[in-house]
């Protein structure tokens, strides 16, 4: 799912960088996420938090395992994203 519309950054890109050990600030600098309108910052931070070393549930345990990221309820309920279909796990 695209998290940052302005920079076209997906949750998978953010998660990949977070699992590599990058902090939100480093990811923001590298990808440009949350540097323009800022509406995606809380969602991007949620993805980073879920993929950090302190949250092993979201970490990818082996290369062949499917990746799952839980989005915050506030993001799913947000009218800003105005989705006509419910979000599905990748």
PDB file of N, CA and C in Angstrom:
ATOM      1  N   UNK A   1       0.838  -1.169   0.000  1.00  0.00           N
ATOM      2  CA  UNK A   1       0.000   0.000   0.000  1.00  0.00           C
ATOM      3  C   UNK A   1       0.890   1.241   0.000  1.00  0.00           C
ATOM      4  N   UNK A   2       0.484   2.242  -0.743  1.00  0.00           N
ATOM      5  CA  UNK A   2       1.225   3.498  -0.752  1.00  0.00           C
ATOM      6  C   UNK A   2       0.923   4.239   0.541  1.00  0.00           C
ATOM      7  N   UNK A   3       1.965   4.550   1.294  1.00  0.00           N
ATOM      8  CA  UNK A   3       1.829   5.293   2.545  1.00  0.00           C
ATOM      9  C   UNK A   3       1.996   6.785   2.265  1.00  0.00           C
ATOM     10  N   UNK A   4       3.028   7.145   1.539  1.00  0.00           N
ATOM     11  CA  UNK A   4       3.320   8.543   1.219  1.00  0.00           C
ATOM     12  C   UNK A   4       2.957   8.787  -0.244  1.00  0.00           C
ATOM     13  N   UNK A   5       1.838   9.478  -0.438  1.00  0.00           N
ATOM     14  CA  UNK A   5       1.368   9.748  -1.798  1.00  0.00           C
ATOM     15  C   UNK A   5       2.290  10.751  -2.489  1.00  0.00           C
ATOM     16  N   UNK A   6       2.747  11.745  -1.742  1.00  0.00           N
ATOM     17  CA  UNK A   6       3.595  12.791  -2.334  1.00  0.00           C
ATOM     18  C   UNK A   6       4.878  12.223  -2.948  1.00  0.00           C
ATOM     19  N   UNK A   7       5.493  11.272  -2.249  1.00  0.00           N
ATOM     20  CA  UNK A   7       6.755  10.679  -2.704  1.00  0.00           C
ATOM     21  C   UNK A   7       6.599   9.265  -3.240  1.00  0.00           C
ATOM     22  N   UNK A   8       5.335   8.769  -3.248  1.00  0.00           N
ATOM     23  CA  UNK A   8       5.020   7.413  -3.717  1.00  0.00           C
ATOM     24  C   UNK A   8       5.899   6.353  -3.040  1.00  0.00           C
ATOM     25  N   UNK A   9       5.799   6.330  -1.708  1.00  0.00           N
ATOM     26  CA  UNK A   9       6.556   5.387  -0.897  1.00  0.00           C
ATOM     27  C   UNK A   9       5.574   4.379  -0.297  1.00  0.00           C
ATOM     28  N   UNK A  10       5.866   3.105  -0.466  1.00  0.00           N
ATOM     29  CA  UNK A  10       4.964   2.059   0.021  1.00  0.00           C
ATOM     30  C   UNK A  10       5.349   1.589   1.424  1.00  0.00           C
ATOM     31  N   UNK A  11       4.407   0.904   2.061  1.00  0.00           N
ATOM     32  CA  UNK A  11       4.676   0.316   3.373  1.00  0.00           C
ATOM     33  C   UNK A  11       5.780  -0.731   3.270  1.00  0.00           C
ATOM     34  N   UNK A  12       5.863  -1.423   2.159  1.00  0.00           N
ATOM     35  CA  UNK A  12       6.914  -2.438   1.977  1.00  0.00           C
ATOM     36  C   UNK A  12       8.304  -1.810   1.921  1.00  0.00           C
ATOM     37  N   UNK A  13       8.415  -0.663   1.254  1.00  0.00           N
ATOM     38  CA  UNK A  13       9.710   0.024   1.204  1.00  0.00           C
ATOM     39  C   UNK A  13      10.123   0.484   2.604  1.00  0.00           C
ATOM     40  N   UNK A  14       9.179   1.050   3.326  1.00  0.00           N
ATOM     41  CA  UNK A  14       9.460   1.519   4.686  1.00  0.00           C
ATOM     42  C   UNK A  14       9.848   0.337   5.561  1.00  0.00           C
ATOM     43  N   UNK A  15       9.093  -0.754   5.475  1.00  0.00           N
ATOM     44  CA  UNK A  15       9.364  -1.948   6.282  1.00  0.00           C
ATOM     45  C   UNK A  15      10.738  -2.527   5.959  1.00  0.00           C
ATOM     46  N   UNK A  16      11.085  -2.577   4.693  1.00  0.00           N
ATOM     47  CA  UNK A  16      12.396  -3.122   4.301  1.00  0.00           C
ATOM     48  C   UNK A  16      13.529  -2.326   4.951  1.00  0.00           C
ATOM     49  N   UNK A  17      13.418  -1.005   4.925  1.00  0.00           N
ATOM     50  CA  UNK A  17      14.443  -0.153   5.524  1.00  0.00           C
ATOM     51  C   UNK A  17      14.453  -0.296   7.048  1.00  0.00           C
ATOM     52  N   UNK A  18      13.285  -0.390   7.664  1.00  0.00           N
ATOM     53  CA  UNK A  18      13.207  -0.540   9.119  1.00  0.00           C
ATOM     54  C   UNK A  18      13.821  -1.860   9.564  1.00  0.00           C
ATOM     55  N   UNK A  19      13.536  -2.946   8.827  1.00  0.00           N
ATOM     56  CA  UNK A  19      14.109  -4.245   9.171  1.00  0.00           C
ATOM     57  C   UNK A  19      15.616  -4.255   8.990  1.00  0.00           C
ATOM     58  N   UNK A  20      16.110  -3.363   8.162  1.00  0.00           N
ATOM     59  CA  UNK A  20      17.558  -3.255   7.974  1.00  0.00           C
ATOM     60  C   UNK A  20      18.206  -2.460   9.108  1.00  0.00           C
ATOM     61  N   UNK A  21      17.374  -2.002  10.061  1.00  0.00           N
ATOM     62  CA  UNK A  21      17.917  -1.318  11.228  1.00  0.00           C
ATOM     63  C   UNK A  21      17.875   0.202  11.165  1.00  0.00           C
ATOM     64  N   UNK A  22      17.234   0.758  10.143  1.00  0.00           N
ATOM     65  CA  UNK A  22      17.183   2.210  10.018  1.00  0.00           C
ATOM     66  C   UNK A  22      16.101   2.793  10.918  1.00  0.00           C
ATOM     67  N   UNK A  23      16.376   3.965  11.481  1.00  0.00           N
ATOM     68  CA  UNK A  23      15.400   4.676  12.306  1.00  0.00           C
ATOM     69  C   UNK A  23      14.429   5.426  11.390  1.00  0.00           C
ATOM     70  N   UNK A  24      13.347   5.948  11.983  1.00  0.00           N
ATOM     71  CA  UNK A  24      12.396   6.722  11.181  1.00  0.00           C
ATOM     72  C   UNK A  24      13.091   7.902  10.513  1.00  0.00           C
ATOM     73  N   UNK A  25      13.929   8.609  11.262  1.00  0.00           N
ATOM     74  CA  UNK A  25      14.623   9.776  10.694  1.00  0.00           C
ATOM     75  C   UNK A  25      15.512   9.385   9.511  1.00  0.00           C
ATOM     76  N   UNK A  26      16.182   8.253   9.625  1.00  0.00           N
ATOM     77  CA  UNK A  26      17.032   7.787   8.522  1.00  0.00           C
ATOM     78  C   UNK A  26      16.184   7.401   7.312  1.00  0.00           C
ATOM     79  N   UNK A  27      15.061   6.746   7.561  1.00  0.00           N
ATOM     80  CA  UNK A  27      14.156   6.364   6.473  1.00  0.00           C
ATOM     81  C   UNK A  27      13.563   7.597   5.823  1.00  0.00           C
ATOM     82  N   UNK A  28      13.211   8.572   6.638  1.00  0.00           N
ATOM     83  CA  UNK A  28      12.660   9.824   6.118  1.00  0.00           C
ATOM     84  C   UNK A  28      13.678  10.505   5.203  1.00  0.00           C
ATOM     85  N   UNK A  29      14.924  10.539   5.625  1.00  0.00           N
ATOM     86  CA  UNK A  29      15.979  11.155   4.808  1.00  0.00           C
ATOM     87  C   UNK A  29      16.208  10.367   3.515  1.00  0.00           C
ATOM     88  N   UNK A  30      16.235   9.040   3.629  1.00  0.00           N
ATOM     89  CA  UNK A  30      16.519   8.171   2.475  1.00  0.00           C
ATOM     90  C   UNK A  30      15.385   8.163   1.449  1.00  0.00           C
ATOM     91  N   UNK A  31      14.139   8.026   1.915  1.00  0.00           N
ATOM     92  CA  UNK A  31      13.005   7.865   1.003  1.00  0.00           C
ATOM     93  C   UNK A  31      12.206   9.149   0.770  1.00  0.00           C
ATOM     94  N   UNK A  32      12.356  10.120   1.654  1.00  0.00           N
ATOM     95  CA  UNK A  32      11.588  11.358   1.520  1.00  0.00           C
ATOM     96  C   UNK A  32      10.188  11.262   2.092  1.00  0.00           C
ATOM     97  N   UNK A  33       9.879  10.167   2.792  1.00  0.00           N
ATOM     98  CA  UNK A  33       8.550   9.984   3.365  1.00  0.00           C
ATOM     99  C   UNK A  33       8.295  11.051   4.429  1.00  0.00           C
ATOM    100  N   UNK A  34       7.079  11.606   4.423  1.00  0.00           N
ATOM    101  CA  UNK A  34       6.644  12.622   5.396  1.00  0.00           C
ATOM    102  C   UNK A  34       7.482  13.896   5.343  1.00  0.00           C
ATOM    103  N   UNK A  35       7.944  14.250   4.155  1.00  0.00           N
ATOM    104  CA  UNK A  35       8.718  15.487   4.023  1.00  0.00           C
ATOM    105  C   UNK A  35       7.976  16.578   3.262  1.00  0.00           C
ATOM    106  N   UNK A  36       6.799  16.263   2.737  1.00  0.00           N
ATOM    107  CA  UNK A  36       6.051  17.288   2.019  1.00  0.00           C
ATOM    108  C   UNK A  36       4.804  17.669   2.801  1.00  0.00           C
ATOM    109  N   UNK A  37       3.686  17.036   2.568  1.00  0.00           N
ATOM    110  CA  UNK A  37       2.446  17.445   3.251  1.00  0.00           C
ATOM    111  C   UNK A  37       2.392  16.945   4.689  1.00  0.00           C
ATOM    112  N   UNK A  38       3.081  15.833   5.002  1.00  0.00           N
ATOM    113  CA  UNK A  38       3.145  15.312   6.358  1.00  0.00           C
ATOM    114  C   UNK A  38       1.982  14.439   6.800  1.00  0.00           C
ATOM    115  N   UNK A  39       0.992  14.233   5.957  1.00  0.00           N
ATOM    116  CA  UNK A  39      -0.187  13.451   6.342  1.00  0.00           C
ATOM    117  C   UNK A  39       0.136  11.983   6.595  1.00  0.00           C
ATOM    118  N   UNK A  40       1.217  11.492   6.052  1.00  0.00           N
ATOM    119  CA  UNK A  40       1.567  10.076   6.169  1.00  0.00           C
ATOM    120  C   UNK A  40       2.479   9.769   7.352  1.00  0.00           C
ATOM    121  N   UNK A  41       2.899  10.786   8.067  1.00  0.00           N
ATOM    122  CA  UNK A  41       3.914  10.567   9.096  1.00  0.00           C
ATOM    123  C   UNK A  41       3.506   9.540  10.150  1.00  0.00           C
ATOM    124  N   UNK A  42       2.292   9.617  10.665  1.00  0.00           N
ATOM    125  CA  UNK A  42       1.897   8.673  11.715  1.00  0.00           C
ATOM    126  C   UNK A  42       1.838   7.242  11.182  1.00  0.00           C
ATOM    127  N   UNK A  43       1.360   7.053   9.977  1.00  0.00           N
ATOM    128  CA  UNK A  43       1.312   5.711   9.386  1.00  0.00           C
ATOM    129  C   UNK A  43       2.727   5.189   9.153  1.00  0.00           C
ATOM    130  N   UNK A  44       3.602   6.037   8.626  1.00  0.00           N
ATOM    131  CA  UNK A  44       4.985   5.631   8.375  1.00  0.00           C
ATOM    132  C   UNK A  44       5.679   5.264   9.680  1.00  0.00           C
ATOM    133  N   UNK A  45       5.444   6.052  10.720  1.00  0.00           N
ATOM    134  CA  UNK A  45       6.042   5.745  12.034  1.00  0.00           C
ATOM    135  C   UNK A  45       5.504   4.431  12.589  1.00  0.00           C
ATOM    136  N   UNK A  46       4.222   4.153  12.374  1.00  0.00           N
ATOM    137  CA  UNK A  46       3.643   2.884  12.814  1.00  0.00           C
ATOM    138  C   UNK A  46       4.311   1.704  12.128  1.00  0.00           C
ATOM    139  N   UNK A  47       4.541   1.811  10.833  1.00  0.00           N
ATOM    140  CA  UNK A  47       5.199   0.734  10.086  1.00  0.00           C
ATOM    141  C   UNK A  47       6.607   0.520  10.617  1.00  0.00           C
ATOM    142  N   UNK A  48       7.344   1.604  10.845  1.00  0.00           N
ATOM    143  CA  UNK A  48       8.707   1.507  11.370  1.00  0.00           C
ATOM    144  C   UNK A  48       8.685   0.850  12.748  1.00  0.00           C
ATOM    145  N   UNK A  49       7.770   1.261  13.598  1.00  0.00           N
ATOM    146  CA  UNK A  49       7.689   0.700  14.957  1.00  0.00           C
ATOM    147  C   UNK A  49       7.404  -0.795  14.922  1.00  0.00           C
ATOM    148  N   UNK A  50       6.528  -1.220  14.017  1.00  0.00           N
ATOM    149  CA  UNK A  50       6.182  -2.634  13.938  1.00  0.00           C
ATOM    150  C   UNK A  50       7.315  -3.480  13.373  1.00  0.00           C
ATOM    151  N   UNK A  51       8.210  -2.864  12.653  1.00  0.00           N
ATOM    152  CA  UNK A  51       9.298  -3.619  12.022  1.00  0.00           C
ATOM    153  C   UNK A  51      10.623  -3.487  12.768  1.00  0.00           C
ATOM    154  N   UNK A  52      10.631  -2.725  13.836  1.00  0.00           N
ATOM    155  CA  UNK A  52      11.882  -2.534  14.582  1.00  0.00           C
ATOM    156  C   UNK A  52      12.233  -3.799  15.347  1.00  0.00           C
ATOM    157  N   UNK A  53      13.422  -3.859  15.833  1.00  0.00           N
ATOM    158  CA  UNK A  53      13.896  -5.042  16.560  1.00  0.00           C
ATOM    159  C   UNK A  53      13.081  -5.299  17.818  1.00  0.00           C
ATOM    160  N   UNK A  54      12.479  -4.261  18.393  1.00  0.00           N
ATOM    161  CA  UNK A  54      11.700  -4.452  19.611  1.00  0.00           C
ATOM    162  C   UNK A  54      10.303  -4.998  19.330  1.00  0.00           C
ATOM    163  N   UNK A  55       9.939  -5.151  18.060  1.00  0.00           N
ATOM    164  CA  UNK A  55       8.651  -5.703  17.659  1.00  0.00           C
ATOM    165  C   UNK A  55       8.877  -6.872  16.705  1.00  0.00           C
ATOM    166  N   UNK A  56       9.379  -8.012  17.202  1.00  0.00           N
ATOM    167  CA  UNK A  56       9.729  -9.134  16.325  1.00  0.00           C
ATOM    168  C   UNK A  56       8.551  -9.768  15.601  1.00  0.00           C
ATOM    169  N   UNK A  57       7.318  -9.506  16.015  1.00  0.00           N
ATOM    170  CA  UNK A  57       6.152 -10.098  15.354  1.00  0.00           C
ATOM    171  C   UNK A  57       6.084  -9.683  13.895  1.00  0.00           C
ATOM    172  N   UNK A  58       6.453  -8.441  13.601  1.00  0.00           N
ATOM    173  CA  UNK A  58       6.383  -7.946  12.232  1.00  0.00           C
ATOM    174  C   UNK A  58       7.652  -8.240  11.440  1.00  0.00           C
ATOM    175  N   UNK A  59       8.695  -8.707  12.109  1.00  0.00           N
ATOM    176  CA  UNK A  59       9.950  -8.969  11.413  1.00  0.00           C
ATOM    177  C   UNK A  59       9.809 -10.200  10.528  1.00  0.00           C
ATOM    178  N   UNK A  60      10.507 -10.180   9.429  1.00  0.00           N
ATOM    179  CA  UNK A  60      10.485 -11.299   8.504  1.00  0.00           C
ATOM    180  C   UNK A  60      11.475 -12.346   9.015  1.00  0.00           C
ATOM    181  N   UNK A  61      10.975 -13.544   9.344  1.00  0.00           N
ATOM    182  CA  UNK A  61      11.816 -14.564   9.947  1.00  0.00           C
ATOM    183  C   UNK A  61      12.586 -15.378   8.921  1.00  0.00           C
ATOM    184  N   UNK A  62      12.061 -15.498   7.732  1.00  0.00           N
ATOM    185  CA  UNK A  62      12.833 -16.145   6.682  1.00  0.00           C
ATOM    186  C   UNK A  62      12.405 -15.562   5.348  1.00  0.00           C
ATOM    187  N   UNK A  63      13.268 -15.643   4.389  1.00  0.00           N
ATOM    188  CA  UNK A  63      13.055 -14.991   3.095  1.00  0.00           C
ATOM    189  C   UNK A  63      11.783 -15.440   2.386  1.00  0.00           C
ATOM    190  N   UNK A  64      11.374 -16.689   2.577  1.00  0.00           N
ATOM    191  CA  UNK A  64      10.212 -17.210   1.859  1.00  0.00           C
ATOM    192  C   UNK A  64       8.895 -16.904   2.562  1.00  0.00           C
ATOM    193  N   UNK A  65       8.957 -16.456   3.814  1.00  0.00           N
ATOM    194  CA  UNK A  65       7.726 -16.200   4.577  1.00  0.00           C
ATOM    195  C   UNK A  65       7.036 -14.946   4.061  1.00  0.00           C
ATOM    196  N   UNK A  66       5.714 -14.957   4.003  1.00  0.00           N
ATOM    197  CA  UNK A  66       4.995 -13.761   3.563  1.00  0.00           C
ATOM    198  C   UNK A  66       5.114 -12.654   4.604  1.00  0.00           C
ATOM    199  N   UNK A  67       5.211 -11.452   4.145  1.00  0.00           N
ATOM    200  CA  UNK A  67       5.369 -10.295   5.017  1.00  0.00           C
ATOM    201  C   UNK A  67       3.992  -9.747   5.407  1.00  0.00           C
ATOM    202  N   UNK A  68       3.797  -9.488   6.690  1.00  0.00           N
ATOM    203  CA  UNK A  68       2.532  -8.945   7.153  1.00  0.00           C
ATOM    204  C   UNK A  68       2.802  -7.747   8.033  1.00  0.00           C
ATOM    205  N   UNK A  69       2.106  -6.666   7.759  1.00  0.00           N
ATOM    206  CA  UNK A  69       2.222  -5.460   8.570  1.00  0.00           C
ATOM    207  C   UNK A  69       0.819  -5.084   9.013  1.00  0.00           C
ATOM    208  N   UNK A  70       0.641  -4.883  10.305  1.00  0.00           N
ATOM    209  CA  UNK A  70      -0.643  -4.476  10.848  1.00  0.00           C
ATOM    210  C   UNK A  70      -0.705  -2.948  10.826  1.00  0.00           C
ATOM    211  N   UNK A  71      -1.695  -2.398  10.164  1.00  0.00           N
ATOM    212  CA  UNK A  71      -1.855  -0.955  10.140  1.00  0.00           C
ATOM    213  C   UNK A  71      -2.673  -0.511  11.342  1.00  0.00           C
ATOM    214  N   UNK A  72      -2.331   0.648  11.841  1.00  0.00           N
ATOM    215  CA  UNK A  72      -3.041   1.186  12.995  1.00  0.00           C
ATOM    216  C   UNK A  72      -4.517   1.359  12.661  1.00  0.00           C
ATOM    217  N   UNK A  73      -5.378   1.093  13.636  1.00  0.00           N
ATOM    218  CA  UNK A  73      -6.817   1.230  13.445  1.00  0.00           C
ATOM    219  C   UNK A  73      -7.173   2.638  12.995  1.00  0.00           C
ATOM    220  N   UNK A  74      -6.468   3.644  13.522  1.00  0.00           N
ATOM    221  CA  UNK A  74      -6.761   5.027  13.146  1.00  0.00           C
ATOM    222  C   UNK A  74      -6.487   5.272  11.662  1.00  0.00           C
ATOM    223  N   UNK A  75      -5.526   4.566  11.099  1.00  0.00           N
ATOM    224  CA  UNK A  75      -5.228   4.712   9.674  1.00  0.00           C
ATOM    225  C   UNK A  75      -6.325   4.045   8.857  1.00  0.00           C
ATOM    226  N   UNK A  76      -6.732   2.849   9.262  1.00  0.00           N
ATOM    227  CA  UNK A  76      -7.762   2.136   8.513  1.00  0.00           C
ATOM    228  C   UNK A  76      -9.095   2.875   8.548  1.00  0.00           C
ATOM    229  N   UNK A  77      -9.373   3.556   9.654  1.00  0.00           N
ATOM    230  CA  UNK A  77     -10.627   4.280   9.803  1.00  0.00           C
ATOM    231  C   UNK A  77     -10.562   5.695   9.232  1.00  0.00           C
ATOM    232  N   UNK A  78      -9.400   6.128   8.814  1.00  0.00           N
ATOM    233  CA  UNK A  78      -9.214   7.503   8.355  1.00  0.00           C
ATOM    234  C   UNK A  78      -9.995   7.790   7.077  1.00  0.00           C
ATOM    235  N   UNK A  79     -10.678   8.896   7.050  1.00  0.00           N
ATOM    236  CA  UNK A  79     -11.395   9.319   5.854  1.00  0.00           C
ATOM    237  C   UNK A  79     -10.438   9.881   4.805  1.00  0.00           C
ATOM    238  N   UNK A  80      -9.218  10.215   5.226  1.00  0.00           N
ATOM    239  CA  UNK A  80      -8.228  10.765   4.299  1.00  0.00           C
ATOM    240  C   UNK A  80      -7.871   9.772   3.197  1.00  0.00           C
ATOM    241  N   UNK A  81      -7.993   8.464   3.495  1.00  0.00           N
ATOM    242  CA  UNK A  81      -7.596   7.459   2.517  1.00  0.00           C
ATOM    243  C   UNK A  81      -8.766   7.034   1.648  1.00  0.00           C
ATOM    244  N   UNK A  82      -9.989   7.310   2.001  1.00  0.00           N
ATOM    245  CA  UNK A  82     -11.184   7.134   1.180  1.00  0.00           C
ATOM    246  C   UNK A  82     -11.116   5.927   0.241  1.00  0.00           C
ATOM    247  N   UNK A  83     -10.883   4.752   0.803  1.00  0.00           N
ATOM    248  CA  UNK A  83     -10.837   3.524   0.005  1.00  0.00           C
ATOM    249  C   UNK A  83     -12.239   2.969  -0.189  1.00  0.00           C
ATOM    250  N   UNK A  84     -12.545   2.512  -1.378  1.00  0.00           N
ATOM    251  CA  UNK A  84     -13.845   1.938  -1.626  1.00  0.00           C
ATOM    252  C   UNK A  84     -13.891   0.460  -1.249  1.00  0.00           C
ATOM    253  N   UNK A  85     -12.729  -0.183  -1.165  1.00  0.00           N
ATOM    254  CA  UNK A  85     -12.672  -1.595  -0.795  1.00  0.00           C
ATOM    255  C   UNK A  85     -11.834  -1.729   0.459  1.00  0.00           C
ATOM    256  N   UNK A  86     -12.135  -2.703   1.319  1.00  0.00           N
ATOM    257  CA  UNK A  86     -11.324  -2.901   2.523  1.00  0.00           C
ATOM    258  C   UNK A  86      -9.899  -3.300   2.161  1.00  0.00           C
ATOM    259  N   UNK A  87      -8.944  -2.896   2.995  1.00  0.00           N
ATOM    260  CA  UNK A  87      -7.550  -3.233   2.754  1.00  0.00           C
ATOM    261  C   UNK A  87      -7.323  -4.701   3.045  1.00  0.00           C
ATOM    262  N   UNK A  88      -6.460  -5.338   2.259  1.00  0.00           N
ATOM    263  CA  UNK A  88      -6.140  -6.745   2.456  1.00  0.00           C
ATOM    264  C   UNK A  88      -4.649  -6.862   2.646  1.00  0.00           C
ATOM    265  N   UNK A  89      -4.233  -7.838   3.416  1.00  0.00           N
ATOM    266  CA  UNK A  89      -2.805  -8.088   3.627  1.00  0.00           C
ATOM    267  C   UNK A  89      -2.172  -8.505   2.315  1.00  0.00           C
ATOM    268  N   UNK A  90      -0.935  -8.078   2.125  1.00  0.00           N
ATOM    269  CA  UNK A  90      -0.213  -8.393   0.888  1.00  0.00           C
ATOM    270  C   UNK A  90       0.240  -9.814   0.861  1.00  0.00           C
TER     271      UNK A  90
END
